[in-house]
Amino acid sequence: MRTMGFAAAIEDALTQAMAGDERVVVLGEDTHGLRMNLFARFGAERVRSAPISESAFLGAAVGAAMAGLRPVVEIMLIDFVAVAASALVNEAAKLEAFSGGDWRAPLVVRAACGGGYGDGGQHEQSLWGWLAHIPGLAVVVPSTPADAGGLLLGALDHGGPVVYLEHKLLADYWLDYLGAGGRDTVAYDVPPAGASGPVPDTWEATPLGQAAVRRRGSDLTVVAVGVAVHRALAAAERLAGERGVAAGVIDLRSVQPLDRGAVCAAARDSGRVLVVDEDYREFGLSGEIAATLLEAGTPARFARVCVDETIPYDPRREQAVLPNVERIMAAAERLLEG
């Protein structure tokens, strides 16, 4: 085992994938600089820097995937996928269904997501609920370096279009870019267990749709993804110390496919489910989990902590909007009272 940062783990796994399969190519903005090590090793044919036109290079990647390549398309922020939505939502996602299974678009769209550093609602969204809503799209959100590498290989093995989301507060190069990495006067609430951790010497693919139990508990189950997993673990520690409550934490790891069985099993054991979701409340992941529990006939009290409005620029208002530990604690307290 090695210890590696979140972003370094992604690049290490991608290096292994590119070395083992010449069909894997990288395409996106500023990739010659951002992926300098990959560019130096694999050259300009396999690490391509594209103009700032997400619709153009994502559209090109769909065609490349249909022709036999395995593109990893880098969109700097998932918010910007809106300008390339047609290629992803109307073409890649529907290709297999419309062709009767004869054609697929095996590509990975890699993008940064999430807030907590004061960049506002046009740059800090997560959007996994919106994307997972589209049939044919898979959506993964790792929370640890080990999962970051394993899920990347799982996404490449998936065989269809996968949106791979990395939270900016876990990626060290994003923190450096945003200012926290090199300034003593700037600090963000970065979970250390997510930003750096043990990874395998040789990467193996993590199958999509398999949740991980990060903490077991009989009184309450917290379901989360990405950075929210670490916020949930911090809240679980406090609940144990302050109230003697045994709170379990499930890391979904992928939003689509969703491990419904793991959620229902944990709900049956604890009788209470709290979903922590750094995405919009309305018509999103939290509501889908509630529907899953109801349709399965799982008797459990339910609550959720989500983003309820457009993420503001003001740091104090931003922290009040995002699912932080204090909001999780308050929701858990209300759920335990019932």
C-alpha atoms as a PDB file:
ATOM      1  CA  MET A   1       0.000   0.000   0.000  1.00  0.00           C
ATOM      2  CA  ARG A   2       1.004   3.600  -0.655  1.00  0.00           C
ATOM      3  CA  THR A   3      -0.235   6.921   0.653  1.00  0.00           C
ATOM      4  CA  MET A   4      -1.394   9.334  -2.010  1.00  0.00           C
ATOM      5  CA  GLY A   5      -3.444  12.484  -2.436  1.00  0.00           C
ATOM      6  CA  PHE A   6      -6.879  12.402  -4.023  1.00  0.00           C
ATOM      7  CA  ALA A   7      -5.907  14.068  -7.306  1.00  0.00           C
ATOM      8  CA  ALA A   8      -2.637  12.143  -7.530  1.00  0.00           C
ATOM      9  CA  ALA A   9      -4.550   8.879  -7.126  1.00  0.00           C
ATOM     10  CA  ILE A  10      -6.768   9.734 -10.098  1.00  0.00           C
ATOM     11  CA  GLU A  11      -3.762  10.510 -12.276  1.00  0.00           C
ATOM     12  CA  ASP A  12      -1.912   7.395 -11.116  1.00  0.00           C
ATOM     13  CA  ALA A  13      -4.860   5.166 -12.000  1.00  0.00           C
ATOM     14  CA  LEU A  14      -5.283   6.958 -15.328  1.00  0.00           C
ATOM     15  CA  THR A  15      -1.588   6.425 -16.084  1.00  0.00           C
ATOM     16  CA  GLN A  16      -2.014   2.693 -15.458  1.00  0.00           C
ATOM     17  CA  ALA A  17      -5.081   2.597 -17.695  1.00  0.00           C
ATOM     18  CA  MET A  18      -3.342   4.459 -20.530  1.00  0.00           C
ATOM     19  CA  ALA A  19      -0.273   2.243 -20.292  1.00  0.00           C
ATOM     20  CA  GLY A  20      -2.441  -0.863 -20.531  1.00  0.00           C
ATOM     21  CA  ASP A  21      -4.854   0.256 -23.233  1.00  0.00           C
ATOM     22  CA  GLU A  22      -3.819   2.501 -26.099  1.00  0.00           C
ATOM     23  CA  ARG A  23      -7.468   3.322 -26.792  1.00  0.00           C
ATOM     24  CA  VAL A  24      -7.620   5.471 -23.642  1.00  0.00           C
ATOM     25  CA  VAL A  25      -7.060   9.127 -24.558  1.00  0.00           C
ATOM     26  CA  VAL A  26      -7.408  12.397 -22.642  1.00  0.00           C
ATOM     27  CA  LEU A  27      -9.106  15.439 -24.140  1.00  0.00           C
ATOM     28  CA  GLY A  28      -9.925  18.802 -22.613  1.00  0.00           C
ATOM     29  CA  GLU A  29      -8.926  22.348 -21.796  1.00  0.00           C
ATOM     30  CA  ASP A  30      -5.314  23.006 -20.743  1.00  0.00           C
ATOM     31  CA  THR A  31      -4.540  19.291 -20.528  1.00  0.00           C
ATOM     32  CA  HIS A  32      -0.938  19.781 -21.695  1.00  0.00           C
ATOM     33  CA  GLY A  33      -0.350  21.814 -18.547  1.00  0.00           C
ATOM     34  CA  LEU A  34      -2.752  20.181 -16.106  1.00  0.00           C
ATOM     35  CA  ARG A  35      -1.757  16.658 -17.174  1.00  0.00           C
ATOM     36  CA  MET A  36       1.890  17.398 -17.841  1.00  0.00           C
ATOM     37  CA  ASN A  37       3.099  13.961 -16.702  1.00  0.00           C
ATOM     38  CA  LEU A  38       0.632  12.184 -18.959  1.00  0.00           C
ATOM     39  CA  PHE A  39       1.504  14.480 -21.853  1.00  0.00           C
ATOM     40  CA  ALA A  40       5.231  13.816 -21.373  1.00  0.00           C
ATOM     41  CA  ARG A  41       4.739  10.058 -21.283  1.00  0.00           C
ATOM     42  CA  PHE A  42       2.017   9.472 -23.876  1.00  0.00           C
ATOM     43  CA  GLY A  43       2.427  12.438 -26.216  1.00  0.00           C
ATOM     44  CA  ALA A  44       0.143  14.846 -28.013  1.00  0.00           C
ATOM     45  CA  GLU A  45      -1.791  12.134 -29.877  1.00  0.00           C
ATOM     46  CA  ARG A  46      -3.214  10.704 -26.653  1.00  0.00           C
ATOM     47  CA  VAL A  47      -3.265  13.810 -24.457  1.00  0.00           C
ATOM     48  CA  ARG A  48      -5.015  16.482 -26.490  1.00  0.00           C
ATOM     49  CA  SER A  49      -5.556  20.068 -25.447  1.00  0.00           C
ATOM     50  CA  ALA A  50      -8.827  21.481 -26.767  1.00  0.00           C
ATOM     51  CA  PRO A  51     -10.142  25.020 -27.261  1.00  0.00           C
ATOM     52  CA  ILE A  52     -12.488  26.466 -24.645  1.00  0.00           C
ATOM     53  CA  SER A  53     -15.594  25.001 -26.279  1.00  0.00           C
ATOM     54  CA  GLU A  54     -17.070  22.195 -24.209  1.00  0.00           C
ATOM     55  CA  SER A  55     -19.755  21.480 -26.781  1.00  0.00           C
ATOM     56  CA  ALA A  56     -17.108  21.008 -29.482  1.00  0.00           C
ATOM     57  CA  PHE A  57     -14.690  18.691 -27.676  1.00  0.00           C
ATOM     58  CA  LEU A  58     -17.342  16.664 -25.859  1.00  0.00           C
ATOM     59  CA  GLY A  59     -19.142  16.197 -29.159  1.00  0.00           C
ATOM     60  CA  ALA A  60     -15.875  15.072 -30.749  1.00  0.00           C
ATOM     61  CA  ALA A  61     -15.310  12.639 -27.877  1.00  0.00           C
ATOM     62  CA  VAL A  62     -18.702  10.991 -28.449  1.00  0.00           C
ATOM     63  CA  GLY A  63     -17.710  10.306 -32.051  1.00  0.00           C
ATOM     64  CA  ALA A  64     -14.278   9.070 -30.964  1.00  0.00           C
ATOM     65  CA  ALA A  65     -15.898   6.677 -28.475  1.00  0.00           C
ATOM     66  CA  MET A  66     -18.210   5.329 -31.177  1.00  0.00           C
ATOM     67  CA  ALA A  67     -15.167   4.776 -33.389  1.00  0.00           C
ATOM     68  CA  GLY A  68     -13.386   2.639 -30.798  1.00  0.00           C
ATOM     69  CA  LEU A  69     -11.456   4.968 -28.492  1.00  0.00           C
ATOM     70  CA  ARG A  70     -11.978   5.328 -24.729  1.00  0.00           C
ATOM     71  CA  PRO A  71     -11.894   9.106 -24.211  1.00  0.00           C
ATOM     72  CA  VAL A  72     -11.505  10.721 -20.807  1.00  0.00           C
ATOM     73  CA  VAL A  73     -12.990  14.161 -21.413  1.00  0.00           C
ATOM     74  CA  GLU A  74     -12.030  16.856 -18.926  1.00  0.00           C
ATOM     75  CA  ILE A  75     -14.535  19.633 -18.309  1.00  0.00           C
ATOM     76  CA  MET A  76     -13.055  22.007 -15.781  1.00  0.00           C
ATOM     77  CA  LEU A  77     -16.244  22.489 -13.742  1.00  0.00           C
ATOM     78  CA  ILE A  78     -19.378  20.368 -13.911  1.00  0.00           C
ATOM     79  CA  ASP A  79     -21.397  23.613 -14.094  1.00  0.00           C
ATOM     80  CA  PHE A  80     -20.004  24.043 -17.617  1.00  0.00           C
ATOM     81  CA  VAL A  81     -21.522  20.763 -18.803  1.00  0.00           C
ATOM     82  CA  ALA A  82     -24.658  22.797 -19.432  1.00  0.00           C
ATOM     83  CA  VAL A  83     -23.109  24.240 -22.593  1.00  0.00           C
ATOM     84  CA  ALA A  84     -22.346  20.716 -23.851  1.00  0.00           C
ATOM     85  CA  ALA A  85     -25.499  19.004 -22.617  1.00  0.00           C
ATOM     86  CA  SER A  86     -26.759  17.928 -26.027  1.00  0.00           C
ATOM     87  CA  ALA A  87     -23.726  15.765 -26.790  1.00  0.00           C
ATOM     88  CA  LEU A  88     -23.956  14.067 -23.405  1.00  0.00           C
ATOM     89  CA  VAL A  89     -27.717  13.931 -22.760  1.00  0.00           C
ATOM     90  CA  ASN A  90     -29.145  13.583 -26.272  1.00  0.00           C
ATOM     91  CA  GLU A  91     -26.387  11.631 -28.008  1.00  0.00           C
ATOM     92  CA  ALA A  92     -24.083   9.604 -25.738  1.00  0.00           C
ATOM     93  CA  ALA A  93     -26.733   8.630 -23.190  1.00  0.00           C
ATOM     94  CA  LYS A  94     -29.310   7.531 -25.786  1.00  0.00           C
ATOM     95  CA  LEU A  95     -27.015   5.858 -28.293  1.00  0.00           C
ATOM     96  CA  GLU A  96     -27.338   2.308 -26.981  1.00  0.00           C
ATOM     97  CA  ALA A  97     -31.126   2.492 -26.632  1.00  0.00           C
ATOM     98  CA  PHE A  98     -31.671   4.036 -30.060  1.00  0.00           C
ATOM     99  CA  SER A  99     -29.360   1.553 -31.804  1.00  0.00           C
ATOM    100  CA  GLY A 100     -30.831  -1.518 -30.163  1.00  0.00           C
ATOM    101  CA  GLY A 101     -27.535  -2.154 -28.417  1.00  0.00           C
ATOM    102  CA  ASP A 102     -25.440  -2.073 -31.592  1.00  0.00           C
ATOM    103  CA  TRP A 103     -23.657   1.164 -30.649  1.00  0.00           C
ATOM    104  CA  ARG A 104     -22.311   2.517 -27.372  1.00  0.00           C
ATOM    105  CA  ALA A 105     -20.319   5.573 -26.339  1.00  0.00           C
ATOM    106  CA  PRO A 106     -17.743   4.385 -23.775  1.00  0.00           C
ATOM    107  CA  LEU A 107     -16.385   7.698 -22.521  1.00  0.00           C
ATOM    108  CA  VAL A 108     -15.682   9.246 -19.127  1.00  0.00           C
ATOM    109  CA  VAL A 109     -16.512  12.894 -18.505  1.00  0.00           C
ATOM    110  CA  ARG A 110     -14.267  14.028 -15.669  1.00  0.00           C
ATOM    111  CA  ALA A 111     -15.200  17.273 -13.914  1.00  0.00           C
ATOM    112  CA  ALA A 112     -14.716  19.104 -10.636  1.00  0.00           C
ATOM    113  CA  CYS A 113     -17.763  19.760  -8.479  1.00  0.00           C
ATOM    114  CA  GLY A 114     -18.815  21.148  -5.121  1.00  0.00           C
ATOM    115  CA  GLY A 115     -18.509  24.298  -3.043  1.00  0.00           C
ATOM    116  CA  GLY A 116     -17.141  25.591   0.205  1.00  0.00           C
ATOM    117  CA  TYR A 117     -14.598  28.107  -1.072  1.00  0.00           C
ATOM    118  CA  GLY A 118     -16.629  31.148  -2.149  1.00  0.00           C
ATOM    119  CA  ASP A 119     -17.059  30.833  -5.910  1.00  0.00           C
ATOM    120  CA  GLY A 120     -20.835  31.104  -6.142  1.00  0.00           C
ATOM    121  CA  GLY A 121     -23.614  29.183  -7.791  1.00  0.00           C
ATOM    122  CA  GLN A 122     -22.198  29.178 -11.316  1.00  0.00           C
ATOM    123  CA  HIS A 123     -19.041  27.321 -10.258  1.00  0.00           C
ATOM    124  CA  GLU A 124     -19.875  25.338  -7.108  1.00  0.00           C
ATOM    125  CA  GLN A 125     -22.758  23.090  -8.091  1.00  0.00           C
ATOM    126  CA  SER A 126     -22.688  19.302  -7.910  1.00  0.00           C
ATOM    127  CA  LEU A 127     -25.511  18.416 -10.342  1.00  0.00           C
ATOM    128  CA  TRP A 128     -25.236  14.635  -9.919  1.00  0.00           C
ATOM    129  CA  GLY A 129     -28.983  14.387  -9.379  1.00  0.00           C
ATOM    130  CA  TRP A 130     -29.734  16.129 -12.665  1.00  0.00           C
ATOM    131  CA  LEU A 131     -27.242  13.977 -14.587  1.00  0.00           C
ATOM    132  CA  ALA A 132     -28.301  10.692 -12.960  1.00  0.00           C
ATOM    133  CA  HIS A 133     -31.884  11.533 -13.998  1.00  0.00           C
ATOM    134  CA  ILE A 134     -30.961  10.756 -17.637  1.00  0.00           C
ATOM    135  CA  PRO A 135     -31.301   7.074 -18.664  1.00  0.00           C
ATOM    136  CA  GLY A 136     -28.027   5.766 -20.047  1.00  0.00           C
ATOM    137  CA  LEU A 137     -25.729   7.987 -17.958  1.00  0.00           C
ATOM    138  CA  ALA A 138     -23.724   6.650 -15.027  1.00  0.00           C
ATOM    139  CA  VAL A 139     -22.530   9.088 -12.344  1.00  0.00           C
ATOM    140  CA  VAL A 140     -19.772   8.369  -9.820  1.00  0.00           C
ATOM    141  CA  VAL A 141     -18.541  10.517  -6.910  1.00  0.00           C
ATOM    142  CA  PRO A 142     -15.526   9.159  -4.988  1.00  0.00           C
ATOM    143  CA  SER A 143     -14.780  10.269  -1.440  1.00  0.00           C
ATOM    144  CA  THR A 144     -11.314   8.781  -0.808  1.00  0.00           C
ATOM    145  CA  PRO A 145      -8.094   8.445  -2.825  1.00  0.00           C
ATOM    146  CA  ALA A 146      -8.526   4.664  -2.998  1.00  0.00           C
ATOM    147  CA  ASP A 147     -12.012   5.024  -4.453  1.00  0.00           C
ATOM    148  CA  ALA A 148     -10.890   7.867  -6.708  1.00  0.00           C
ATOM    149  CA  GLY A 149      -8.519   5.559  -8.566  1.00  0.00           C
ATOM    150  CA  GLY A 150     -10.658   2.437  -8.395  1.00  0.00           C
ATOM    151  CA  LEU A 151     -13.808   4.172  -9.605  1.00  0.00           C
ATOM    152  CA  LEU A 152     -11.928   5.771 -12.495  1.00  0.00           C
ATOM    153  CA  LEU A 153     -10.970   2.315 -13.744  1.00  0.00           C
ATOM    154  CA  GLY A 154     -14.512   1.157 -13.078  1.00  0.00           C
ATOM    155  CA  ALA A 155     -15.800   4.036 -15.181  1.00  0.00           C
ATOM    156  CA  LEU A 156     -13.461   3.112 -18.040  1.00  0.00           C
ATOM    157  CA  ASP A 157     -14.661  -0.505 -17.852  1.00  0.00           C
ATOM    158  CA  HIS A 158     -18.326   0.468 -17.737  1.00  0.00           C
ATOM    159  CA  GLY A 159     -18.767   0.511 -21.495  1.00  0.00           C
ATOM    160  CA  GLY A 160     -21.057   3.537 -21.678  1.00  0.00           C
ATOM    161  CA  PRO A 161     -20.928   7.242 -20.811  1.00  0.00           C
ATOM    162  CA  VAL A 162     -19.906   7.945 -17.201  1.00  0.00           C
ATOM    163  CA  VAL A 163     -19.756  11.313 -15.450  1.00  0.00           C
ATOM    164  CA  TYR A 164     -16.893  11.193 -12.956  1.00  0.00           C
ATOM    165  CA  LEU A 165     -17.101  13.950 -10.346  1.00  0.00           C
ATOM    166  CA  GLU A 166     -14.265  14.989  -8.026  1.00  0.00           C
ATOM    167  CA  HIS A 167     -14.979  17.425  -5.223  1.00  0.00           C
ATOM    168  CA  LYS A 168     -12.631  20.401  -5.307  1.00  0.00           C
ATOM    169  CA  LEU A 169     -12.044  20.366  -1.550  1.00  0.00           C
ATOM    170  CA  LEU A 170     -10.487  16.906  -1.857  1.00  0.00           C
ATOM    171  CA  ALA A 171      -8.139  17.640  -4.769  1.00  0.00           C
ATOM    172  CA  ASP A 172      -4.851  19.277  -3.752  1.00  0.00           C
ATOM    173  CA  TYR A 173      -4.221  20.930  -7.096  1.00  0.00           C
ATOM    174  CA  TRP A 174      -7.622  22.597  -6.871  1.00  0.00           C
ATOM    175  CA  LEU A 175      -6.810  23.884  -3.390  1.00  0.00           C
ATOM    176  CA  ASP A 176      -3.526  25.291  -4.657  1.00  0.00           C
ATOM    177  CA  TYR A 177      -5.337  26.968  -7.541  1.00  0.00           C
ATOM    178  CA  LEU A 178      -8.017  28.373  -5.242  1.00  0.00           C
ATOM    179  CA  GLY A 179      -5.475  29.756  -2.806  1.00  0.00           C
ATOM    180  CA  ALA A 180      -5.669  27.530   0.257  1.00  0.00           C
ATOM    181  CA  GLY A 181      -2.647  25.441  -0.629  1.00  0.00           C
ATOM    182  CA  GLY A 182      -0.113  28.251  -0.617  1.00  0.00           C
ATOM    183  CA  ARG A 183      -1.499  30.878   1.760  1.00  0.00           C
ATOM    184  CA  ASP A 184      -1.545  30.870   5.548  1.00  0.00           C
ATOM    185  CA  THR A 185      -4.435  33.340   5.539  1.00  0.00           C
ATOM    186  CA  VAL A 186      -6.781  31.116   3.512  1.00  0.00           C
ATOM    187  CA  ALA A 187      -8.278  27.893   4.841  1.00  0.00           C
ATOM    188  CA  TYR A 188     -11.088  25.649   3.717  1.00  0.00           C
ATOM    189  CA  ASP A 189     -12.871  22.865   5.579  1.00  0.00           C
ATOM    190  CA  VAL A 190     -10.983  20.007   3.943  1.00  0.00           C
ATOM    191  CA  PRO A 191     -11.517  16.496   5.379  1.00  0.00           C
ATOM    192  CA  PRO A 192      -7.970  15.105   5.788  1.00  0.00           C
ATOM    193  CA  ALA A 193      -9.117  11.502   5.438  1.00  0.00           C
ATOM    194  CA  GLY A 194     -10.436  12.277   1.961  1.00  0.00           C
ATOM    195  CA  ALA A 195      -7.641  14.499   0.664  1.00  0.00           C
ATOM    196  CA  SER A 196      -4.934  11.895   1.377  1.00  0.00           C
ATOM    197  CA  GLY A 197      -4.994   8.213   2.209  1.00  0.00           C
ATOM    198  CA  PRO A 198      -3.835   4.669   1.439  1.00  0.00           C
ATOM    199  CA  VAL A 199      -4.069   3.366  -2.111  1.00  0.00           C
ATOM    200  CA  PRO A 200      -3.122  -0.015  -3.618  1.00  0.00           C
ATOM    201  CA  ASP A 201       0.209  -0.600  -5.325  1.00  0.00           C
ATOM    202  CA  THR A 202      -1.649  -1.750  -8.435  1.00  0.00           C
ATOM    203  CA  TRP A 203      -5.075  -0.382  -9.231  1.00  0.00           C
ATOM    204  CA  GLU A 204      -8.108  -2.571  -9.756  1.00  0.00           C
ATOM    205  CA  ALA A 205     -11.469  -1.401 -11.040  1.00  0.00           C
ATOM    206  CA  THR A 206     -14.166  -0.688  -8.463  1.00  0.00           C
ATOM    207  CA  PRO A 207     -17.527  -1.768  -9.921  1.00  0.00           C
ATOM    208  CA  LEU A 208     -20.120   0.970 -10.201  1.00  0.00           C
ATOM    209  CA  GLY A 209     -23.224   0.732  -8.047  1.00  0.00           C
ATOM    210  CA  GLN A 210     -21.656  -0.762  -4.916  1.00  0.00           C
ATOM    211  CA  ALA A 211     -21.942   1.379  -1.793  1.00  0.00           C
ATOM    212  CA  ALA A 212     -19.389   1.185   1.034  1.00  0.00           C
ATOM    213  CA  VAL A 213     -20.220   1.084   4.735  1.00  0.00           C
ATOM    214  CA  ARG A 214     -17.868   3.645   6.306  1.00  0.00           C
ATOM    215  CA  ARG A 215     -19.261   3.295   9.816  1.00  0.00           C
ATOM    216  CA  ARG A 216     -21.784   0.910  11.352  1.00  0.00           C
ATOM    217  CA  GLY A 217     -24.556   2.098  13.623  1.00  0.00           C
ATOM    218  CA  SER A 218     -27.864   0.781  14.947  1.00  0.00           C
ATOM    219  CA  ASP A 219     -29.619   4.062  15.856  1.00  0.00           C
ATOM    220  CA  LEU A 220     -29.336   6.092  12.665  1.00  0.00           C
ATOM    221  CA  THR A 221     -28.078   5.650   9.103  1.00  0.00           C
ATOM    222  CA  VAL A 222     -26.514   8.618   7.301  1.00  0.00           C
ATOM    223  CA  VAL A 223     -26.346   8.221   3.515  1.00  0.00           C
ATOM    224  CA  ALA A 224     -23.927  10.481   1.674  1.00  0.00           C
ATOM    225  CA  VAL A 225     -21.576  10.875  -1.264  1.00  0.00           C
ATOM    226  CA  GLY A 226     -18.316  12.777  -1.886  1.00  0.00           C
ATOM    227  CA  VAL A 227     -17.218  15.312   0.722  1.00  0.00           C
ATOM    228  CA  ALA A 228     -20.509  14.836   2.566  1.00  0.00           C
ATOM    229  CA  VAL A 229     -19.306  11.367   3.606  1.00  0.00           C
ATOM    230  CA  HIS A 230     -16.590  12.975   5.716  1.00  0.00           C
ATOM    231  CA  ARG A 231     -18.991  15.537   7.140  1.00  0.00           C
ATOM    232  CA  ALA A 232     -21.300  12.645   8.054  1.00  0.00           C
ATOM    233  CA  LEU A 233     -18.474  10.758   9.753  1.00  0.00           C
ATOM    234  CA  ALA A 234     -17.577  13.852  11.785  1.00  0.00           C
ATOM    235  CA  ALA A 235     -21.204  14.228  12.844  1.00  0.00           C
ATOM    236  CA  ALA A 236     -21.382  10.534  13.755  1.00  0.00           C
ATOM    237  CA  GLU A 237     -18.367  10.945  16.031  1.00  0.00           C
ATOM    238  CA  ARG A 238     -20.040  13.852  17.788  1.00  0.00           C
ATOM    239  CA  LEU A 239     -23.323  11.984  18.155  1.00  0.00           C
ATOM    240  CA  ALA A 240     -21.479   9.081  19.750  1.00  0.00           C
ATOM    241  CA  GLY A 241     -19.544  11.321  22.145  1.00  0.00           C
ATOM    242  CA  GLU A 242     -22.312  13.742  23.077  1.00  0.00           C
ATOM    243  CA  ARG A 243     -25.387  11.489  23.060  1.00  0.00           C
ATOM    244  CA  GLY A 244     -24.152   7.912  22.952  1.00  0.00           C
ATOM    245  CA  VAL A 245     -25.865   7.462  19.578  1.00  0.00           C
ATOM    246  CA  ALA A 246     -24.583   4.788  17.213  1.00  0.00           C
ATOM    247  CA  ALA A 247     -24.817   6.414  13.785  1.00  0.00           C
ATOM    248  CA  GLY A 248     -23.798   4.488  10.695  1.00  0.00           C
ATOM    249  CA  VAL A 249     -22.514   6.094   7.482  1.00  0.00           C
ATOM    250  CA  ILE A 250     -23.022   4.696   3.983  1.00  0.00           C
ATOM    251  CA  ASP A 251     -20.912   6.068   1.129  1.00  0.00           C
ATOM    252  CA  LEU A 252     -22.924   5.544  -2.049  1.00  0.00           C
ATOM    253  CA  ARG A 253     -19.828   6.064  -4.256  1.00  0.00           C
ATOM    254  CA  SER A 254     -22.056   6.155  -7.336  1.00  0.00           C
ATOM    255  CA  VAL A 255     -25.341   7.987  -7.770  1.00  0.00           C
ATOM    256  CA  GLN A 256     -26.268   6.028 -10.894  1.00  0.00           C
ATOM    257  CA  PRO A 257     -26.293   3.066 -10.626  1.00  0.00           C
ATOM    258  CA  LEU A 258     -27.593   3.447  -7.071  1.00  0.00           C
ATOM    259  CA  ASP A 259     -27.033   0.694  -4.511  1.00  0.00           C
ATOM    260  CA  ARG A 260     -30.636   0.559  -3.344  1.00  0.00           C
ATOM    261  CA  GLY A 261     -30.127  -2.724  -1.536  1.00  0.00           C
ATOM    262  CA  ALA A 262     -27.454  -1.301   0.776  1.00  0.00           C
ATOM    263  CA  VAL A 263     -29.630   1.691   1.646  1.00  0.00           C
ATOM    264  CA  CYS A 264     -32.694  -0.430   2.392  1.00  0.00           C
ATOM    265  CA  ALA A 265     -30.730  -2.933   4.460  1.00  0.00           C
ATOM    266  CA  ALA A 266     -29.227  -0.195   6.614  1.00  0.00           C
ATOM    267  CA  ALA A 267     -32.612   1.490   6.986  1.00  0.00           C
ATOM    268  CA  ARG A 268     -34.177  -1.736   8.218  1.00  0.00           C
ATOM    269  CA  ASP A 269     -31.409  -2.122  10.798  1.00  0.00           C
ATOM    270  CA  SER A 270     -31.506   1.422  12.199  1.00  0.00           C
ATOM    271  CA  GLY A 271     -35.056   2.602  11.507  1.00  0.00           C
ATOM    272  CA  ARG A 272     -33.854   6.133  10.708  1.00  0.00           C
ATOM    273  CA  VAL A 273     -32.280   7.461   7.499  1.00  0.00           C
ATOM    274  CA  LEU A 274     -30.670  10.860   7.018  1.00  0.00           C
ATOM    275  CA  VAL A 275     -29.512  11.741   3.502  1.00  0.00           C
ATOM    276  CA  VAL A 276     -26.727  14.336   3.231  1.00  0.00           C
ATOM    277  CA  ASP A 277     -26.577  15.624  -0.318  1.00  0.00           C
ATOM    278  CA  GLU A 278     -24.534  18.569  -1.623  1.00  0.00           C
ATOM    279  CA  ASP A 279     -26.928  18.919  -4.519  1.00  0.00           C
ATOM    280  CA  TYR A 280     -30.307  20.555  -4.844  1.00  0.00           C
ATOM    281  CA  ARG A 281     -33.122  19.240  -2.666  1.00  0.00           C
ATOM    282  CA  GLU A 282     -35.887  19.399  -5.257  1.00  0.00           C
ATOM    283  CA  PHE A 283     -36.232  16.371  -7.572  1.00  0.00           C
ATOM    284  CA  GLY A 284     -32.784  15.010  -6.650  1.00  0.00           C
ATOM    285  CA  LEU A 285     -30.876  12.172  -5.008  1.00  0.00           C
ATOM    286  CA  SER A 286     -32.457  12.608  -1.585  1.00  0.00           C
ATOM    287  CA  GLY A 287     -35.960  12.289  -3.009  1.00  0.00           C
ATOM    288  CA  GLU A 288     -34.949   9.213  -5.007  1.00  0.00           C
ATOM    289  CA  ILE A 289     -33.699   7.531  -1.833  1.00  0.00           C
ATOM    290  CA  ALA A 290     -36.949   8.381  -0.061  1.00  0.00           C
ATOM    291  CA  ALA A 291     -38.910   6.824  -2.944  1.00  0.00           C
ATOM    292  CA  THR A 292     -36.657   3.757  -2.859  1.00  0.00           C
ATOM    293  CA  LEU A 293     -37.405   3.192   0.834  1.00  0.00           C
ATOM    294  CA  LEU A 294     -41.144   3.647   0.331  1.00  0.00           C
ATOM    295  CA  GLU A 295     -41.336   1.374  -2.710  1.00  0.00           C
ATOM    296  CA  ALA A 296     -39.404  -1.328  -0.846  1.00  0.00           C
ATOM    297  CA  GLY A 297     -41.784  -1.068   2.100  1.00  0.00           C
ATOM    298  CA  THR A 298     -38.886  -0.232   4.407  1.00  0.00           C
ATOM    299  CA  PRO A 299     -40.172   1.200   7.707  1.00  0.00           C
ATOM    300  CA  ALA A 300     -37.838   4.073   8.549  1.00  0.00           C
ATOM    301  CA  ARG A 301     -38.079   7.694   9.590  1.00  0.00           C
ATOM    302  CA  PHE A 302     -36.516   9.952   6.958  1.00  0.00           C
ATOM    303  CA  ALA A 303     -34.793  13.345   6.827  1.00  0.00           C
ATOM    304  CA  ARG A 304     -32.412  15.119   4.494  1.00  0.00           C
ATOM    305  CA  VAL A 305     -29.846  17.909   4.434  1.00  0.00           C
ATOM    306  CA  CYS A 306     -29.375  19.363   0.956  1.00  0.00           C
ATOM    307  CA  VAL A 307     -28.728  22.583  -0.924  1.00  0.00           C
ATOM    308  CA  ASP A 308     -32.012  24.489  -0.813  1.00  0.00           C
ATOM    309  CA  GLU A 309     -31.195  27.533  -2.961  1.00  0.00           C
ATOM    310  CA  THR A 310     -28.682  28.941  -5.435  1.00  0.00           C
ATOM    311  CA  ILE A 311     -25.287  28.869  -3.741  1.00  0.00           C
ATOM    312  CA  PRO A 312     -24.415  32.469  -2.756  1.00  0.00           C
ATOM    313  CA  TYR A 313     -21.019  34.159  -2.999  1.00  0.00           C
ATOM    314  CA  ASP A 314     -21.045  35.493   0.550  1.00  0.00           C
ATOM    315  CA  PRO A 315     -18.997  33.013   2.657  1.00  0.00           C
ATOM    316  CA  ARG A 316     -21.323  33.126   5.658  1.00  0.00           C
ATOM    317  CA  ARG A 317     -24.441  32.531   3.568  1.00  0.00           C
ATOM    318  CA  GLU A 318     -22.631  29.872   1.551  1.00  0.00           C
ATOM    319  CA  GLN A 319     -21.789  27.898   4.686  1.00  0.00           C
ATOM    320  CA  ALA A 320     -25.411  28.147   5.812  1.00  0.00           C
ATOM    321  CA  VAL A 321     -26.564  26.697   2.479  1.00  0.00           C
ATOM    322  CA  LEU A 322     -24.109  23.796   2.139  1.00  0.00           C
ATOM    323  CA  PRO A 323     -24.549  20.564   4.150  1.00  0.00           C
ATOM    324  CA  ASN A 324     -22.004  21.208   6.910  1.00  0.00           C
ATOM    325  CA  VAL A 325     -21.549  19.280  10.152  1.00  0.00           C
ATOM    326  CA  GLU A 326     -23.776  21.646  12.142  1.00  0.00           C
ATOM    327  CA  ARG A 327     -26.696  21.188   9.764  1.00  0.00           C
ATOM    328  CA  ILE A 328     -26.197  17.421   9.811  1.00  0.00           C
ATOM    329  CA  MET A 329     -26.152  17.417  13.608  1.00  0.00           C
ATOM    330  CA  ALA A 330     -29.354  19.457  13.814  1.00  0.00           C
ATOM    331  CA  ALA A 331     -31.166  17.169  11.367  1.00  0.00           C
ATOM    332  CA  ALA A 332     -29.942  14.077  13.186  1.00  0.00           C
ATOM    333  CA  GLU A 333     -31.139  15.465  16.524  1.00  0.00           C
ATOM    334  CA  ARG A 334     -34.625  16.073  15.105  1.00  0.00           C
ATOM    335  CA  LEU A 335     -34.729  12.596  13.590  1.00  0.00           C
ATOM    336  CA  LEU A 336     -33.671  10.958  16.855  1.00  0.00           C
ATOM    337  CA  GLU A 337     -36.418  12.744  18.782  1.00  0.00           C
ATOM    338  CA  GLY A 338     -39.102  10.928  16.856  1.00  0.00           C
END
